[in-house]
mmCIF file of all heavy atoms, coordinates in Angstrom:
data_MODEL
# 
_entry.id   MODEL 
# 
loop_
_atom_site.group_PDB 
_atom_site.id 
_atom_site.type_symbol 
_atom_site.label_atom_id 
_atom_site.label_alt_id 
_atom_site.label_comp_id 
_atom_site.label_asym_id 
_atom_site.label_entity_id 
_atom_site.label_seq_id 
_atom_site.pdbx_PDB_ins_code 
_atom_site.Cartn_x 
_atom_site.Cartn_y 
_atom_site.Cartn_z 
_atom_site.occupancy 
_atom_site.B_iso_or_equiv 
_atom_site.pdbx_formal_charge 
_atom_site.auth_seq_id 
_atom_site.auth_comp_id 
_atom_site.auth_asym_id 
_atom_site.auth_atom_id 
_atom_site.pdbx_PDB_model_num 
ATOM 1   N N   . HIS A 1 1  ? 119.005 239.512 116.340 1.00 0.00 ? 1  HIS A N   1 
ATOM 2   C CA  . HIS A 1 1  ? 118.847 238.134 116.745 1.00 0.00 ? 1  HIS A CA  1 
ATOM 3   C C   . HIS A 1 1  ? 118.930 238.076 118.236 1.00 0.00 ? 1  HIS A C   1 
ATOM 4   O O   . HIS A 1 1  ? 119.898 238.592 118.863 1.00 0.00 ? 1  HIS A O   1 
ATOM 5   C CB  . HIS A 1 1  ? 119.898 237.254 116.103 1.00 0.00 ? 1  HIS A CB  1 
ATOM 6   C CG  . HIS A 1 1  ? 119.810 235.805 116.504 1.00 0.00 ? 1  HIS A CG  1 
ATOM 7   N ND1 . HIS A 1 1  ? 118.859 234.996 115.974 1.00 0.00 ? 1  HIS A ND1 1 
ATOM 8   C CD2 . HIS A 1 1  ? 120.506 235.086 117.394 1.00 0.00 ? 1  HIS A CD2 1 
ATOM 9   C CE1 . HIS A 1 1  ? 118.995 233.773 116.520 1.00 0.00 ? 1  HIS A CE1 1 
ATOM 10  N NE2 . HIS A 1 1  ? 119.950 233.816 117.392 1.00 0.00 ? 1  HIS A NE2 1 
ATOM 11  N N   . ILE A 1 2  ? 117.977 237.455 118.875 1.00 0.00 ? 2  ILE A N   1 
ATOM 12  C CA  . ILE A 1 2  ? 117.985 237.301 120.341 1.00 0.00 ? 2  ILE A CA  1 
ATOM 13  C C   . ILE A 1 2  ? 117.874 235.820 120.668 1.00 0.00 ? 2  ILE A C   1 
ATOM 14  O O   . ILE A 1 2  ? 116.972 235.148 120.145 1.00 0.00 ? 2  ILE A O   1 
ATOM 15  C CB  . ILE A 1 2  ? 116.821 238.068 121.010 1.00 0.00 ? 2  ILE A CB  1 
ATOM 16  C CG1 . ILE A 1 2  ? 116.968 239.533 120.729 1.00 0.00 ? 2  ILE A CG1 1 
ATOM 17  C CG2 . ILE A 1 2  ? 116.736 237.794 122.490 1.00 0.00 ? 2  ILE A CG2 1 
ATOM 18  C CD1 . ILE A 1 2  ? 115.786 240.346 121.176 1.00 0.00 ? 2  ILE A CD1 1 
ATOM 19  N N   . LYS A 1 3  ? 118.765 235.297 121.481 1.00 0.00 ? 3  LYS A N   1 
ATOM 20  C CA  . LYS A 1 3  ? 118.707 233.895 121.867 1.00 0.00 ? 3  LYS A CA  1 
ATOM 21  C C   . LYS A 1 3  ? 118.017 233.837 123.241 1.00 0.00 ? 3  LYS A C   1 
ATOM 22  O O   . LYS A 1 3  ? 118.478 234.441 124.214 1.00 0.00 ? 3  LYS A O   1 
ATOM 23  C CB  . LYS A 1 3  ? 120.102 233.341 121.926 1.00 0.00 ? 3  LYS A CB  1 
ATOM 24  C CG  . LYS A 1 3  ? 120.162 231.828 122.254 1.00 0.00 ? 3  LYS A CG  1 
ATOM 25  C CD  . LYS A 1 3  ? 121.569 231.299 122.121 1.00 0.00 ? 3  LYS A CD  1 
ATOM 26  C CE  . LYS A 1 3  ? 121.495 229.797 122.392 1.00 0.00 ? 3  LYS A CE  1 
ATOM 27  N NZ  . LYS A 1 3  ? 122.768 229.216 122.219 1.00 0.00 ? 3  LYS A NZ  1 
ATOM 28  N N   . LEU A 1 4  ? 116.961 233.026 123.279 1.00 0.00 ? 4  LEU A N   1 
ATOM 29  C CA  . LEU A 1 4  ? 116.272 232.828 124.513 1.00 0.00 ? 4  LEU A CA  1 
ATOM 30  C C   . LEU A 1 4  ? 116.586 231.448 125.059 1.00 0.00 ? 4  LEU A C   1 
ATOM 31  O O   . LEU A 1 4  ? 116.782 230.506 124.280 1.00 0.00 ? 4  LEU A O   1 
ATOM 32  C CB  . LEU A 1 4  ? 114.719 232.926 124.261 1.00 0.00 ? 4  LEU A CB  1 
ATOM 33  C CG  . LEU A 1 4  ? 114.251 234.288 123.724 1.00 0.00 ? 4  LEU A CG  1 
ATOM 34  C CD1 . LEU A 1 4  ? 112.777 234.160 123.333 1.00 0.00 ? 4  LEU A CD1 1 
ATOM 35  C CD2 . LEU A 1 4  ? 114.451 235.356 124.719 1.00 0.00 ? 4  LEU A CD2 1 
ATOM 36  N N   . SER A 1 5  ? 116.633 231.325 126.365 1.00 0.00 ? 5  SER A N   1 
ATOM 37  C CA  . SER A 1 5  ? 116.906 230.026 126.957 1.00 0.00 ? 5  SER A CA  1 
ATOM 38  C C   . SER A 1 5  ? 115.759 229.664 127.918 1.00 0.00 ? 5  SER A C   1 
ATOM 39  O O   . SER A 1 5  ? 114.943 230.459 128.279 1.00 0.00 ? 5  SER A O   1 
ATOM 40  C CB  . SER A 1 5  ? 118.238 230.008 127.733 1.00 0.00 ? 5  SER A CB  1 
ATOM 41  O OG  . SER A 1 5  ? 118.182 231.004 128.733 1.00 0.00 ? 5  SER A OG  1 
ATOM 42  N N   . GLY A 1 6  ? 115.737 228.408 128.344 1.00 0.00 ? 6  GLY A N   1 
ATOM 43  C CA  . GLY A 1 6  ? 114.707 227.999 129.274 1.00 0.00 ? 6  GLY A CA  1 
ATOM 44  C C   . GLY A 1 6  ? 113.361 227.992 128.673 1.00 0.00 ? 6  GLY A C   1 
ATOM 45  O O   . GLY A 1 6  ? 113.198 227.653 127.476 1.00 0.00 ? 6  GLY A O   1 
ATOM 46  N N   . ARG A 1 7  ? 112.344 228.344 129.417 1.00 0.00 ? 7  ARG A N   1 
ATOM 47  C CA  . ARG A 1 7  ? 110.973 228.342 128.912 1.00 0.00 ? 7  ARG A CA  1 
ATOM 48  C C   . ARG A 1 7  ? 110.764 229.326 127.758 1.00 0.00 ? 7  ARG A C   1 
ATOM 49  O O   . ARG A 1 7  ? 109.981 229.116 126.900 1.00 0.00 ? 7  ARG A O   1 
ATOM 50  C CB  . ARG A 1 7  ? 109.992 228.702 130.037 1.00 0.00 ? 7  ARG A CB  1 
ATOM 51  C CG  . ARG A 1 7  ? 109.783 227.584 130.970 1.00 0.00 ? 7  ARG A CG  1 
ATOM 52  C CD  . ARG A 1 7  ? 108.739 227.859 132.051 1.00 0.00 ? 7  ARG A CD  1 
ATOM 53  N NE  . ARG A 1 7  ? 108.010 229.125 131.867 1.00 0.00 ? 7  ARG A NE  1 
ATOM 54  C CZ  . ARG A 1 7  ? 107.097 229.561 132.701 1.00 0.00 ? 7  ARG A CZ  1 
ATOM 55  N NH1 . ARG A 1 7  ? 106.823 228.882 133.742 1.00 0.00 ? 7  ARG A NH1 1 
ATOM 56  N NH2 . ARG A 1 7  ? 106.487 230.704 132.453 1.00 0.00 ? 7  ARG A NH2 1 
ATOM 57  N N   . GLY A 1 8  ? 111.515 230.390 127.799 1.00 0.00 ? 8  GLY A N   1 
ATOM 58  C CA  . GLY A 1 8  ? 111.400 231.420 126.762 1.00 0.00 ? 8  GLY A CA  1 
ATOM 59  C C   . GLY A 1 8  ? 111.753 230.901 125.340 1.00 0.00 ? 8  GLY A C   1 
ATOM 60  O O   . GLY A 1 8  ? 111.278 231.470 124.343 1.00 0.00 ? 8  GLY A O   1 
ATOM 61  N N   . SER A 1 9  ? 112.582 229.885 125.285 1.00 0.00 ? 9  SER A N   1 
ATOM 62  C CA  . SER A 1 9  ? 112.952 229.370 123.949 1.00 0.00 ? 9  SER A CA  1 
ATOM 63  C C   . SER A 1 9  ? 111.820 228.629 123.298 1.00 0.00 ? 9  SER A C   1 
ATOM 64  O O   . SER A 1 9  ? 111.751 228.580 122.028 1.00 0.00 ? 9  SER A O   1 
ATOM 65  C CB  . SER A 1 9  ? 114.159 228.402 124.087 1.00 0.00 ? 9  SER A CB  1 
ATOM 66  O OG  . SER A 1 9  ? 113.843 227.286 124.857 1.00 0.00 ? 9  SER A OG  1 
ATOM 67  N N   . LYS A 1 10 ? 110.888 228.066 124.019 1.00 0.00 ? 10 LYS A N   1 
ATOM 68  C CA  . LYS A 1 10 ? 109.755 227.366 123.441 1.00 0.00 ? 10 LYS A CA  1 
ATOM 69  C C   . LYS A 1 10 ? 108.508 228.251 123.362 1.00 0.00 ? 10 LYS A C   1 
ATOM 70  O O   . LYS A 1 10 ? 107.641 227.972 122.536 1.00 0.00 ? 10 LYS A O   1 
ATOM 71  C CB  . LYS A 1 10 ? 109.454 226.111 124.280 1.00 0.00 ? 10 LYS A CB  1 
ATOM 72  C CG  . LYS A 1 10 ? 110.583 225.115 124.178 1.00 0.00 ? 10 LYS A CG  1 
ATOM 73  C CD  . LYS A 1 10 ? 110.272 223.867 124.944 1.00 0.00 ? 10 LYS A CD  1 
ATOM 74  C CE  . LYS A 1 10 ? 111.425 222.921 124.817 1.00 0.00 ? 10 LYS A CE  1 
ATOM 75  N NZ  . LYS A 1 10 ? 111.561 222.003 125.857 1.00 0.00 ? 10 LYS A NZ  1 
ATOM 76  N N   . ASN A 1 11 ? 108.423 229.243 124.175 1.00 0.00 ? 11 ASN A N   1 
ATOM 77  C CA  . ASN A 1 11 ? 107.290 230.160 124.159 1.00 0.00 ? 11 ASN A CA  1 
ATOM 78  C C   . ASN A 1 11 ? 107.749 231.579 124.312 1.00 0.00 ? 11 ASN A C   1 
ATOM 79  O O   . ASN A 1 11 ? 107.652 232.187 125.371 1.00 0.00 ? 11 ASN A O   1 
ATOM 80  C CB  . ASN A 1 11 ? 106.326 229.770 125.307 1.00 0.00 ? 11 ASN A CB  1 
ATOM 81  C CG  . ASN A 1 11 ? 104.988 230.479 125.256 1.00 0.00 ? 11 ASN A CG  1 
ATOM 82  O OD1 . ASN A 1 11 ? 104.660 230.966 124.179 1.00 0.00 ? 11 ASN A OD1 1 
ATOM 83  N ND2 . ASN A 1 11 ? 104.276 230.458 126.341 1.00 0.00 ? 11 ASN A ND2 1 
ATOM 84  N N   . PRO A 1 12 ? 108.339 232.180 123.256 1.00 0.00 ? 12 PRO A N   1 
ATOM 85  C CA  . PRO A 1 12 ? 108.860 233.535 123.364 1.00 0.00 ? 12 PRO A CA  1 
ATOM 86  C C   . PRO A 1 12 ? 107.764 234.567 123.532 1.00 0.00 ? 12 PRO A C   1 
ATOM 87  O O   . PRO A 1 12 ? 106.594 234.304 123.172 1.00 0.00 ? 12 PRO A O   1 
ATOM 88  C CB  . PRO A 1 12 ? 109.586 233.722 122.008 1.00 0.00 ? 12 PRO A CB  1 
ATOM 89  C CG  . PRO A 1 12 ? 108.861 232.810 121.081 1.00 0.00 ? 12 PRO A CG  1 
ATOM 90  C CD  . PRO A 1 12 ? 108.419 231.608 121.903 1.00 0.00 ? 12 PRO A CD  1 
ATOM 91  N N   . PRO A 1 13 ? 108.115 235.731 124.082 1.00 0.00 ? 13 PRO A N   1 
ATOM 92  C CA  . PRO A 1 13 ? 107.115 236.796 124.263 1.00 0.00 ? 13 PRO A CA  1 
ATOM 93  C C   . PRO A 1 13 ? 106.572 237.247 122.888 1.00 0.00 ? 13 PRO A C   1 
ATOM 94  O O   . PRO A 1 13 ? 107.287 237.262 121.920 1.00 0.00 ? 13 PRO A O   1 
ATOM 95  C CB  . PRO A 1 13 ? 107.879 237.935 124.938 1.00 0.00 ? 13 PRO A CB  1 
ATOM 96  C CG  . PRO A 1 13 ? 109.262 237.444 125.132 1.00 0.00 ? 13 PRO A CG  1 
ATOM 97  C CD  . PRO A 1 13 ? 109.438 236.133 124.549 1.00 0.00 ? 13 PRO A CD  1 
ATOM 98  N N   . ALA A 1 14 ? 105.322 237.641 122.915 1.00 0.00 ? 14 ALA A N   1 
ATOM 99  C CA  . ALA A 1 14 ? 104.675 238.113 121.705 1.00 0.00 ? 14 ALA A CA  1 
ATOM 100 C C   . ALA A 1 14 ? 105.276 239.487 121.350 1.00 0.00 ? 14 ALA A C   1 
ATOM 101 O O   . ALA A 1 14 ? 105.712 240.223 122.205 1.00 0.00 ? 14 ALA A O   1 
ATOM 102 C CB  . ALA A 1 14 ? 103.194 238.237 121.910 1.00 0.00 ? 14 ALA A CB  1 
ATOM 103 N N   . PRO A 1 15 ? 105.262 239.852 120.061 1.00 0.00 ? 15 PRO A N   1 
ATOM 104 C CA  . PRO A 1 15 ? 105.763 241.187 119.669 1.00 0.00 ? 15 PRO A CA  1 
ATOM 105 C C   . PRO A 1 15 ? 104.781 242.263 120.037 1.00 0.00 ? 15 PRO A C   1 
ATOM 106 O O   . PRO A 1 15 ? 103.564 242.041 120.120 1.00 0.00 ? 15 PRO A O   1 
ATOM 107 C CB  . PRO A 1 15 ? 105.935 241.054 118.159 1.00 0.00 ? 15 PRO A CB  1 
ATOM 108 C CG  . PRO A 1 15 ? 105.011 240.001 117.783 1.00 0.00 ? 15 PRO A CG  1 
ATOM 109 C CD  . PRO A 1 15 ? 104.931 239.031 118.907 1.00 0.00 ? 15 PRO A CD  1 
ATOM 110 N N   . CYS A 1 16 ? 105.279 243.464 120.277 1.00 0.00 ? 16 CYS A N   1 
ATOM 111 C CA  . CYS A 1 16 ? 104.448 244.640 120.620 1.00 0.00 ? 16 CYS A CA  1 
ATOM 112 C C   . CYS A 1 16 ? 103.534 244.895 119.458 1.00 0.00 ? 16 CYS A C   1 
ATOM 113 O O   . CYS A 1 16 ? 103.922 244.859 118.271 1.00 0.00 ? 16 CYS A O   1 
ATOM 114 C CB  . CYS A 1 16 ? 105.332 245.814 120.907 1.00 0.00 ? 16 CYS A CB  1 
ATOM 115 S SG  . CYS A 1 16 ? 104.458 247.378 121.248 1.00 0.00 ? 16 CYS A SG  1 
ATOM 116 N N   . VAL A 1 17 ? 102.257 245.203 119.753 1.00 0.00 ? 17 VAL A N   1 
ATOM 117 C CA  . VAL A 1 17 ? 101.290 245.438 118.712 1.00 0.00 ? 17 VAL A CA  1 
ATOM 118 C C   . VAL A 1 17 ? 100.981 246.925 118.471 1.00 0.00 ? 17 VAL A C   1 
ATOM 119 O O   . VAL A 1 17 ? 100.154 247.263 117.638 1.00 0.00 ? 17 VAL A O   1 
ATOM 120 C CB  . VAL A 1 17 ? 99.911  244.698 118.970 1.00 0.00 ? 17 VAL A CB  1 
ATOM 121 C CG1 . VAL A 1 17 ? 100.133 243.217 119.013 1.00 0.00 ? 17 VAL A CG1 1 
ATOM 122 C CG2 . VAL A 1 17 ? 99.291  245.190 120.288 1.00 0.00 ? 17 VAL A CG2 1 
ATOM 123 N N   . ALA A 1 18 ? 101.633 247.812 119.242 1.00 0.00 ? 18 ALA A N   1 
ATOM 124 C CA  . ALA A 1 18 ? 101.413 249.255 119.081 1.00 0.00 ? 18 ALA A CA  1 
ATOM 125 C C   . ALA A 1 18 ? 101.839 249.690 117.708 1.00 0.00 ? 18 ALA A C   1 
ATOM 126 O O   . ALA A 1 18 ? 102.766 249.110 117.064 1.00 0.00 ? 18 ALA A O   1 
ATOM 127 C CB  . ALA A 1 18 ? 102.182 250.009 120.135 1.00 0.00 ? 18 ALA A CB  1 
ATOM 128 N N   . ARG A 1 19 ? 101.202 250.727 117.205 1.00 0.00 ? 19 ARG A N   1 
ATOM 129 C CA  . ARG A 1 19 ? 101.562 251.270 115.838 1.00 0.00 ? 19 ARG A CA  1 
ATOM 130 C C   . ARG A 1 19 ? 102.675 252.337 116.064 1.00 0.00 ? 19 ARG A C   1 
ATOM 131 O O   . ARG A 1 19 ? 102.667 253.030 117.063 1.00 0.00 ? 19 ARG A O   1 
ATOM 132 C CB  . ARG A 1 19 ? 100.351 251.949 115.246 1.00 0.00 ? 19 ARG A CB  1 
ATOM 133 C CG  . ARG A 1 19 ? 99.119  251.104 115.104 1.00 0.00 ? 19 ARG A CG  1 
ATOM 134 C CD  . ARG A 1 19 ? 99.340  249.832 114.311 1.00 0.00 ? 19 ARG A CD  1 
ATOM 135 N NE  . ARG A 1 19 ? 99.608  250.143 112.894 1.00 0.00 ? 19 ARG A NE  1 
ATOM 136 C CZ  . ARG A 1 19 ? 99.776  249.220 111.977 1.00 0.00 ? 19 ARG A CZ  1 
ATOM 137 N NH1 . ARG A 1 19 ? 99.697  247.942 112.281 1.00 0.00 ? 19 ARG A NH1 1 
ATOM 138 N NH2 . ARG A 1 19 ? 100.028 249.537 110.736 1.00 0.00 ? 19 ARG A NH2 1 
ATOM 139 N N   . ALA A 1 20 ? 103.621 252.329 115.121 1.00 0.00 ? 20 ALA A N   1 
ATOM 140 C CA  . ALA A 1 20 ? 104.729 253.292 115.187 1.00 0.00 ? 20 ALA A CA  1 
ATOM 141 C C   . ALA A 1 20 ? 105.093 253.698 113.786 1.00 0.00 ? 20 ALA A C   1 
ATOM 142 O O   . ALA A 1 20 ? 104.914 252.954 112.832 1.00 0.00 ? 20 ALA A O   1 
ATOM 143 C CB  . ALA A 1 20 ? 105.907 252.670 115.924 1.00 0.00 ? 20 ALA A CB  1 
ATOM 144 N N   . TRP A 1 21 ? 105.673 254.893 113.652 1.00 0.00 ? 21 TRP A N   1 
ATOM 145 C CA  . TRP A 1 21 ? 106.187 255.342 112.371 1.00 0.00 ? 21 TRP A CA  1 
ATOM 146 C C   . TRP A 1 21 ? 107.554 254.795 112.218 1.00 0.00 ? 21 TRP A C   1 
ATOM 147 O O   . TRP A 1 21 ? 108.474 255.144 112.964 1.00 0.00 ? 21 TRP A O   1 
ATOM 148 C CB  . TRP A 1 21 ? 106.175 256.869 112.287 1.00 0.00 ? 21 TRP A CB  1 
ATOM 149 C CG  . TRP A 1 21 ? 104.835 257.413 112.072 1.00 0.00 ? 21 TRP A CG  1 
ATOM 150 C CD1 . TRP A 1 21 ? 103.973 257.965 112.961 1.00 0.00 ? 21 TRP A CD1 1 
ATOM 151 C CD2 . TRP A 1 21 ? 104.146 257.454 110.791 1.00 0.00 ? 21 TRP A CD2 1 
ATOM 152 N NE1 . TRP A 1 21 ? 102.830 258.275 112.402 1.00 0.00 ? 21 TRP A NE1 1 
ATOM 153 C CE2 . TRP A 1 21 ? 102.869 258.047 111.036 1.00 0.00 ? 21 TRP A CE2 1 
ATOM 154 C CE3 . TRP A 1 21 ? 104.449 257.101 109.545 1.00 0.00 ? 21 TRP A CE3 1 
ATOM 155 C CZ2 . TRP A 1 21 ? 101.950 258.225 110.061 1.00 0.00 ? 21 TRP A CZ2 1 
ATOM 156 C CZ3 . TRP A 1 21 ? 103.513 257.271 108.515 1.00 0.00 ? 21 TRP A CZ3 1 
ATOM 157 C CH2 . TRP A 1 21 ? 102.271 257.823 108.779 1.00 0.00 ? 21 TRP A CH2 1 
ATOM 158 N N   . ILE A 1 22 ? 107.761 253.915 111.227 1.00 0.00 ? 22 ILE A N   1 
ATOM 159 C CA  . ILE A 1 22 ? 109.076 253.324 110.994 1.00 0.00 ? 22 ILE A CA  1 
ATOM 160 C C   . ILE A 1 22 ? 109.431 253.570 109.529 1.00 0.00 ? 22 ILE A C   1 
ATOM 161 O O   . ILE A 1 22 ? 108.725 253.173 108.613 1.00 0.00 ? 22 ILE A O   1 
ATOM 162 C CB  . ILE A 1 22 ? 109.026 251.761 111.248 1.00 0.00 ? 22 ILE A CB  1 
ATOM 163 C CG1 . ILE A 1 22 ? 108.603 251.533 112.710 1.00 0.00 ? 22 ILE A CG1 1 
ATOM 164 C CG2 . ILE A 1 22 ? 110.359 251.134 110.932 1.00 0.00 ? 22 ILE A CG2 1 
ATOM 165 C CD1 . ILE A 1 22 ? 108.328 250.121 113.035 1.00 0.00 ? 22 ILE A CD1 1 
ATOM 166 N N   . GLU A 1 23 ? 110.540 254.332 109.331 1.00 0.00 ? 23 GLU A N   1 
ATOM 167 C CA  . GLU A 1 23 ? 110.965 254.751 108.030 1.00 0.00 ? 23 GLU A CA  1 
ATOM 168 C C   . GLU A 1 23 ? 109.866 255.359 107.207 1.00 0.00 ? 23 GLU A C   1 
ATOM 169 O O   . GLU A 1 23 ? 109.661 255.055 106.054 1.00 0.00 ? 23 GLU A O   1 
ATOM 170 C CB  . GLU A 1 23 ? 111.573 253.584 107.290 1.00 0.00 ? 23 GLU A CB  1 
ATOM 171 C CG  . GLU A 1 23 ? 112.860 253.043 108.001 1.00 0.00 ? 23 GLU A CG  1 
ATOM 172 C CD  . GLU A 1 23 ? 113.531 251.918 107.273 1.00 0.00 ? 23 GLU A CD  1 
ATOM 173 O OE1 . GLU A 1 23 ? 113.051 251.504 106.178 1.00 0.00 ? 23 GLU A OE1 1 
ATOM 174 O OE2 . GLU A 1 23 ? 114.488 251.354 107.858 1.00 0.00 ? 23 GLU A OE2 1 
ATOM 175 N N   . GLY A 1 24 ? 109.063 256.233 107.848 1.00 0.00 ? 24 GLY A N   1 
ATOM 176 C CA  . GLY A 1 24 ? 107.989 256.963 107.128 1.00 0.00 ? 24 GLY A CA  1 
ATOM 177 C C   . GLY A 1 24 ? 106.732 256.181 106.907 1.00 0.00 ? 24 GLY A C   1 
ATOM 178 O O   . GLY A 1 24 ? 105.852 256.660 106.227 1.00 0.00 ? 24 GLY A O   1 
ATOM 179 N N   . LYS A 1 25 ? 106.601 254.992 107.438 1.00 0.00 ? 25 LYS A N   1 
ATOM 180 C CA  . LYS A 1 25 ? 105.421 254.173 107.275 1.00 0.00 ? 25 LYS A CA  1 
ATOM 181 C C   . LYS A 1 25 ? 104.802 253.833 108.595 1.00 0.00 ? 25 LYS A C   1 
ATOM 182 O O   . LYS A 1 25 ? 105.506 253.609 109.622 1.00 0.00 ? 25 LYS A O   1 
ATOM 183 C CB  . LYS A 1 25 ? 105.753 252.866 106.558 1.00 0.00 ? 25 LYS A CB  1 
ATOM 184 C CG  . LYS A 1 25 ? 106.285 253.052 105.149 1.00 0.00 ? 25 LYS A CG  1 
ATOM 185 C CD  . LYS A 1 25 ? 106.623 251.711 104.537 1.00 0.00 ? 25 LYS A CD  1 
ATOM 186 C CE  . LYS A 1 25 ? 107.244 251.914 103.155 1.00 0.00 ? 25 LYS A CE  1 
ATOM 187 N NZ  . LYS A 1 25 ? 107.642 250.623 102.618 1.00 0.00 ? 25 LYS A NZ  1 
ATOM 188 N N   . ASP A 1 26 ? 103.483 253.756 108.661 1.00 0.00 ? 26 ASP A N   1 
ATOM 189 C CA  . ASP A 1 26 ? 102.725 253.346 109.847 1.00 0.00 ? 26 ASP A CA  1 
ATOM 190 C C   . ASP A 1 26 ? 102.835 251.831 109.974 1.00 0.00 ? 26 ASP A C   1 
ATOM 191 O O   . ASP A 1 26 ? 102.169 251.148 109.162 1.00 0.00 ? 26 ASP A O   1 
ATOM 192 C CB  . ASP A 1 26 ? 101.315 253.850 109.774 1.00 0.00 ? 26 ASP A CB  1 
ATOM 193 C CG  . ASP A 1 26 ? 100.524 253.538 111.052 1.00 0.00 ? 26 ASP A CG  1 
ATOM 194 O OD1 . ASP A 1 26 ? 101.141 253.323 112.089 1.00 0.00 ? 26 ASP A OD1 1 
ATOM 195 O OD2 . ASP A 1 26 ? 99.283  253.459 110.958 1.00 0.00 ? 26 ASP A OD2 1 
ATOM 196 N N   . GLU A 1 27 ? 103.610 251.349 110.880 1.00 0.00 ? 27 GLU A N   1 
ATOM 197 C CA  . GLU A 1 27 ? 103.842 249.916 111.002 1.00 0.00 ? 27 GLU A CA  1 
ATOM 198 C C   . GLU A 1 27 ? 103.586 249.430 112.445 1.00 0.00 ? 27 GLU A C   1 
ATOM 199 O O   . GLU A 1 27 ? 103.524 250.262 113.356 1.00 0.00 ? 27 GLU A O   1 
ATOM 200 C CB  . GLU A 1 27 ? 105.304 249.569 110.657 1.00 0.00 ? 27 GLU A CB  1 
ATOM 201 C CG  . GLU A 1 27 ? 105.786 250.019 109.327 1.00 0.00 ? 27 GLU A CG  1 
ATOM 202 C CD  . GLU A 1 27 ? 105.536 248.988 108.272 1.00 0.00 ? 27 GLU A CD  1 
ATOM 203 O OE1 . GLU A 1 27 ? 105.184 247.844 108.597 1.00 0.00 ? 27 GLU A OE1 1 
ATOM 204 O OE2 . GLU A 1 27 ? 105.693 249.358 107.075 1.00 0.00 ? 27 GLU A OE2 1 
# 
């Protein structure tokens, strides 16, 4: 859980779209 304040609370950064192996799955 990340708490953002100011402008970030209304418009948080987008999540990374790169592919990665997470627990044996391509996610």
